[in-house]
Amino acid sequence: MGRKPKAEEERVANRIEELRAQSNLSRQELADEVGVHYQTIGYIERGEYSPSLVLALRIASVLGASVEEVFWLDKEAK
């Protein structure tokens, strides 16, 4: 039986930047709505930080999308 890859080996990809643009929201505005620093939004957008489930749900809600529409596991990442 094969082992599943470790969670830290998988990257969480997202569409935050695209959905923010459609909603006419800046990083700062989204950050204010979900209760984080604007740099955190940048880190998440670039895939440098994976949000907690609570934060992912808040971001999706503010962007008017389901969490699955915003985030997914990027199987291609190293």
N, C-alpha and C. Protein backbone atom coordinates (compact mmCIF):
# COMPACT_ATOMS: atom_id res chain seq x y z
N MET A 1 0.84 -1.17 0.00
CA MET A 1 0.00 0.00 0.00
C MET A 1 0.89 1.25 0.00
N GLY A 2 0.64 2.21 -0.92
CA GLY A 2 1.46 3.42 -1.01
C GLY A 2 1.14 4.41 0.08
N ARG A 3 2.14 5.19 0.42
CA ARG A 3 1.93 6.24 1.43
C ARG A 3 1.46 7.51 0.75
N LYS A 4 0.60 8.21 1.45
CA LYS A 4 0.17 9.52 0.97
C LYS A 4 1.31 10.51 1.20
N PRO A 5 1.44 11.51 0.33
CA PRO A 5 2.47 12.52 0.57
C PRO A 5 2.17 13.30 1.84
N LYS A 6 3.21 13.77 2.50
CA LYS A 6 3.03 14.58 3.70
C LYS A 6 2.36 15.89 3.32
N ALA A 7 1.55 16.41 4.22
CA ALA A 7 0.80 17.64 3.95
C ALA A 7 1.73 18.79 3.60
N GLU A 8 2.91 18.86 4.25
CA GLU A 8 3.80 19.98 3.99
C GLU A 8 4.44 19.91 2.61
N GLU A 9 4.32 18.77 1.94
CA GLU A 9 4.86 18.64 0.59
C GLU A 9 3.88 19.17 -0.45
N GLU A 10 2.62 19.31 -0.08
CA GLU A 10 1.61 19.79 -0.99
C GLU A 10 1.40 21.29 -0.79
N ARG A 11 1.22 21.98 -1.89
CA ARG A 11 0.99 23.42 -1.86
C ARG A 11 -0.49 23.68 -2.00
N VAL A 12 -1.00 24.63 -1.25
CA VAL A 12 -2.38 25.05 -1.38
C VAL A 12 -2.42 26.18 -2.40
N ALA A 13 -3.02 25.89 -3.55
CA ALA A 13 -3.17 26.89 -4.61
C ALA A 13 -4.48 27.64 -4.38
N ASN A 14 -4.60 28.82 -4.99
CA ASN A 14 -5.81 29.61 -4.77
C ASN A 14 -6.07 30.59 -5.91
N ARG A 15 -7.28 31.15 -5.88
CA ARG A 15 -7.71 32.15 -6.85
C ARG A 15 -8.03 33.48 -6.15
N ILE A 16 -7.41 33.71 -5.01
CA ILE A 16 -7.75 34.91 -4.24
C ILE A 16 -7.54 36.19 -5.05
N GLU A 17 -6.39 36.32 -5.68
CA GLU A 17 -6.11 37.57 -6.42
C GLU A 17 -7.15 37.82 -7.50
N GLU A 18 -7.48 36.78 -8.25
CA GLU A 18 -8.49 36.91 -9.30
C GLU A 18 -9.86 37.30 -8.74
N LEU A 19 -10.27 36.62 -7.67
CA LEU A 19 -11.57 36.90 -7.08
C LEU A 19 -11.60 38.26 -6.38
N ARG A 20 -10.48 38.67 -5.81
CA ARG A 20 -10.39 40.02 -5.21
C ARG A 20 -10.61 41.08 -6.28
N ALA A 21 -9.95 40.89 -7.43
CA ALA A 21 -10.07 41.85 -8.53
C ALA A 21 -11.52 41.95 -9.01
N GLN A 22 -12.19 40.80 -9.12
CA GLN A 22 -13.59 40.79 -9.55
C GLN A 22 -14.48 41.51 -8.54
N SER A 23 -14.09 41.46 -7.28
CA SER A 23 -14.86 42.11 -6.22
C SER A 23 -14.40 43.54 -5.94
N ASN A 24 -13.40 44.01 -6.70
CA ASN A 24 -12.83 45.34 -6.50
C ASN A 24 -12.35 45.55 -5.07
N LEU A 25 -11.68 44.53 -4.52
CA LEU A 25 -11.12 44.61 -3.17
C LEU A 25 -9.60 44.65 -3.23
N SER A 26 -9.01 45.52 -2.43
CA SER A 26 -7.56 45.52 -2.29
C SER A 26 -7.17 44.44 -1.29
N ARG A 27 -5.88 44.13 -1.22
CA ARG A 27 -5.42 43.20 -0.19
C ARG A 27 -5.77 43.72 1.20
N GLN A 28 -5.59 45.02 1.39
CA GLN A 28 -5.90 45.62 2.69
C GLN A 28 -7.37 45.46 3.04
N GLU A 29 -8.24 45.72 2.08
CA GLU A 29 -9.68 45.60 2.34
C GLU A 29 -10.08 44.16 2.69
N LEU A 30 -9.54 43.19 1.93
CA LEU A 30 -9.83 41.79 2.23
C LEU A 30 -9.28 41.42 3.61
N ALA A 31 -8.06 41.85 3.88
CA ALA A 31 -7.45 41.57 5.17
C ALA A 31 -8.29 42.13 6.32
N ASP A 32 -8.77 43.35 6.17
CA ASP A 32 -9.61 43.96 7.20
C ASP A 32 -10.89 43.16 7.40
N GLU A 33 -11.48 42.68 6.32
CA GLU A 33 -12.73 41.92 6.41
C GLU A 33 -12.56 40.59 7.13
N VAL A 34 -11.38 39.95 6.95
CA VAL A 34 -11.18 38.62 7.54
C VAL A 34 -10.34 38.65 8.81
N GLY A 35 -9.82 39.83 9.18
CA GLY A 35 -9.13 39.98 10.45
C GLY A 35 -7.67 39.57 10.47
N VAL A 36 -6.96 39.80 9.35
CA VAL A 36 -5.52 39.52 9.30
C VAL A 36 -4.78 40.73 8.74
N HIS A 37 -3.45 40.70 8.80
CA HIS A 37 -2.62 41.74 8.22
C HIS A 37 -2.62 41.60 6.70
N TYR A 38 -2.54 42.71 5.97
CA TYR A 38 -2.60 42.64 4.51
C TYR A 38 -1.47 41.79 3.93
N GLN A 39 -0.32 41.75 4.62
CA GLN A 39 0.79 40.93 4.11
C GLN A 39 0.44 39.44 4.15
N THR A 40 -0.39 39.05 5.10
CA THR A 40 -0.83 37.66 5.18
C THR A 40 -1.59 37.27 3.92
N ILE A 41 -2.42 38.16 3.44
CA ILE A 41 -3.16 37.90 2.20
C ILE A 41 -2.18 37.71 1.04
N GLY A 42 -1.14 38.54 0.99
CA GLY A 42 -0.12 38.40 -0.05
C GLY A 42 0.59 37.06 0.03
N TYR A 43 0.95 36.65 1.23
CA TYR A 43 1.61 35.35 1.42
C TYR A 43 0.72 34.21 0.95
N ILE A 44 -0.56 34.29 1.28
CA ILE A 44 -1.49 33.24 0.88
C ILE A 44 -1.64 33.25 -0.64
N GLU A 45 -1.81 34.41 -1.24
CA GLU A 45 -1.97 34.51 -2.69
C GLU A 45 -0.79 33.89 -3.43
N ARG A 46 0.41 34.09 -2.91
CA ARG A 46 1.62 33.56 -3.57
C ARG A 46 1.90 32.11 -3.21
N GLY A 47 1.09 31.52 -2.35
CA GLY A 47 1.29 30.13 -1.96
C GLY A 47 2.41 29.94 -0.96
N GLU A 48 2.81 31.02 -0.29
CA GLU A 48 3.90 30.95 0.69
C GLU A 48 3.38 30.59 2.08
N TYR A 49 2.07 30.63 2.24
CA TYR A 49 1.45 30.36 3.54
C TYR A 49 0.10 29.70 3.28
N SER A 50 -0.20 28.64 4.01
CA SER A 50 -1.50 27.98 3.90
C SER A 50 -2.39 28.46 5.04
N PRO A 51 -3.55 28.98 4.72
CA PRO A 51 -4.42 29.51 5.77
C PRO A 51 -5.04 28.40 6.61
N SER A 52 -5.43 28.75 7.82
CA SER A 52 -6.20 27.82 8.65
C SER A 52 -7.55 27.61 7.97
N LEU A 53 -8.24 26.58 8.39
CA LEU A 53 -9.57 26.32 7.84
C LEU A 53 -10.50 27.50 8.11
N VAL A 54 -10.45 28.05 9.31
CA VAL A 54 -11.30 29.19 9.66
C VAL A 54 -11.01 30.38 8.74
N LEU A 55 -9.73 30.68 8.53
CA LEU A 55 -9.37 31.80 7.67
C LEU A 55 -9.78 31.52 6.22
N ALA A 56 -9.59 30.31 5.75
CA ALA A 56 -9.99 29.96 4.39
C ALA A 56 -11.50 30.15 4.21
N LEU A 57 -12.28 29.74 5.19
CA LEU A 57 -13.73 29.91 5.13
C LEU A 57 -14.11 31.39 5.15
N ARG A 58 -13.43 32.18 5.97
CA ARG A 58 -13.71 33.63 6.01
C ARG A 58 -13.40 34.28 4.67
N ILE A 59 -12.23 33.94 4.10
CA ILE A 59 -11.84 34.52 2.81
C ILE A 59 -12.86 34.16 1.74
N ALA A 60 -13.24 32.88 1.66
CA ALA A 60 -14.22 32.44 0.67
C ALA A 60 -15.54 33.19 0.84
N SER A 61 -15.97 33.35 2.08
CA SER A 61 -17.23 34.05 2.34
C SER A 61 -17.18 35.49 1.86
N VAL A 62 -16.11 36.20 2.18
CA VAL A 62 -15.98 37.60 1.75
C VAL A 62 -15.93 37.70 0.23
N LEU A 63 -15.31 36.72 -0.42
CA LEU A 63 -15.20 36.73 -1.88
C LEU A 63 -16.44 36.18 -2.57
N GLY A 64 -17.42 35.73 -1.78
CA GLY A 64 -18.67 35.24 -2.35
C GLY A 64 -18.52 33.94 -3.11
N ALA A 65 -17.64 33.07 -2.63
CA ALA A 65 -17.37 31.80 -3.30
C ALA A 65 -17.30 30.68 -2.27
N SER A 66 -17.38 29.45 -2.76
CA SER A 66 -17.18 28.32 -1.86
C SER A 66 -15.68 28.16 -1.63
N VAL A 67 -15.32 27.52 -0.54
CA VAL A 67 -13.91 27.33 -0.24
C VAL A 67 -13.22 26.53 -1.35
N GLU A 68 -13.96 25.60 -1.97
CA GLU A 68 -13.40 24.80 -3.07
C GLU A 68 -13.14 25.62 -4.32
N GLU A 69 -13.90 26.70 -4.50
CA GLU A 69 -13.69 27.58 -5.65
C GLU A 69 -12.45 28.47 -5.45
N VAL A 70 -12.08 28.66 -4.20
CA VAL A 70 -10.96 29.55 -3.88
C VAL A 70 -9.67 28.78 -3.68
N PHE A 71 -9.73 27.63 -3.01
CA PHE A 71 -8.53 26.88 -2.63
C PHE A 71 -8.58 25.45 -3.14
N TRP A 72 -7.41 24.90 -3.46
CA TRP A 72 -7.28 23.47 -3.80
C TRP A 72 -5.84 23.04 -3.58
N LEU A 73 -5.63 21.75 -3.45
CA LEU A 73 -4.27 21.22 -3.32
C LEU A 73 -3.64 21.15 -4.70
N ASP A 74 -2.47 21.75 -4.83
CA ASP A 74 -1.74 21.77 -6.09
C ASP A 74 -0.85 20.53 -6.13
N LYS A 75 -1.30 19.53 -6.84
CA LYS A 75 -0.57 18.26 -6.91
C LYS A 75 0.73 18.38 -7.70
N GLU A 76 0.88 19.46 -8.47
CA GLU A 76 2.07 19.67 -9.29
C GLU A 76 3.22 20.29 -8.52
N ALA A 77 2.92 20.86 -7.34
CA ALA A 77 3.97 21.54 -6.55
C ALA A 77 4.98 20.56 -6.02
N LYS A 78 6.19 21.04 -5.85
CA LYS A 78 7.25 20.18 -5.32
C LYS A 78 7.17 20.11 -3.81
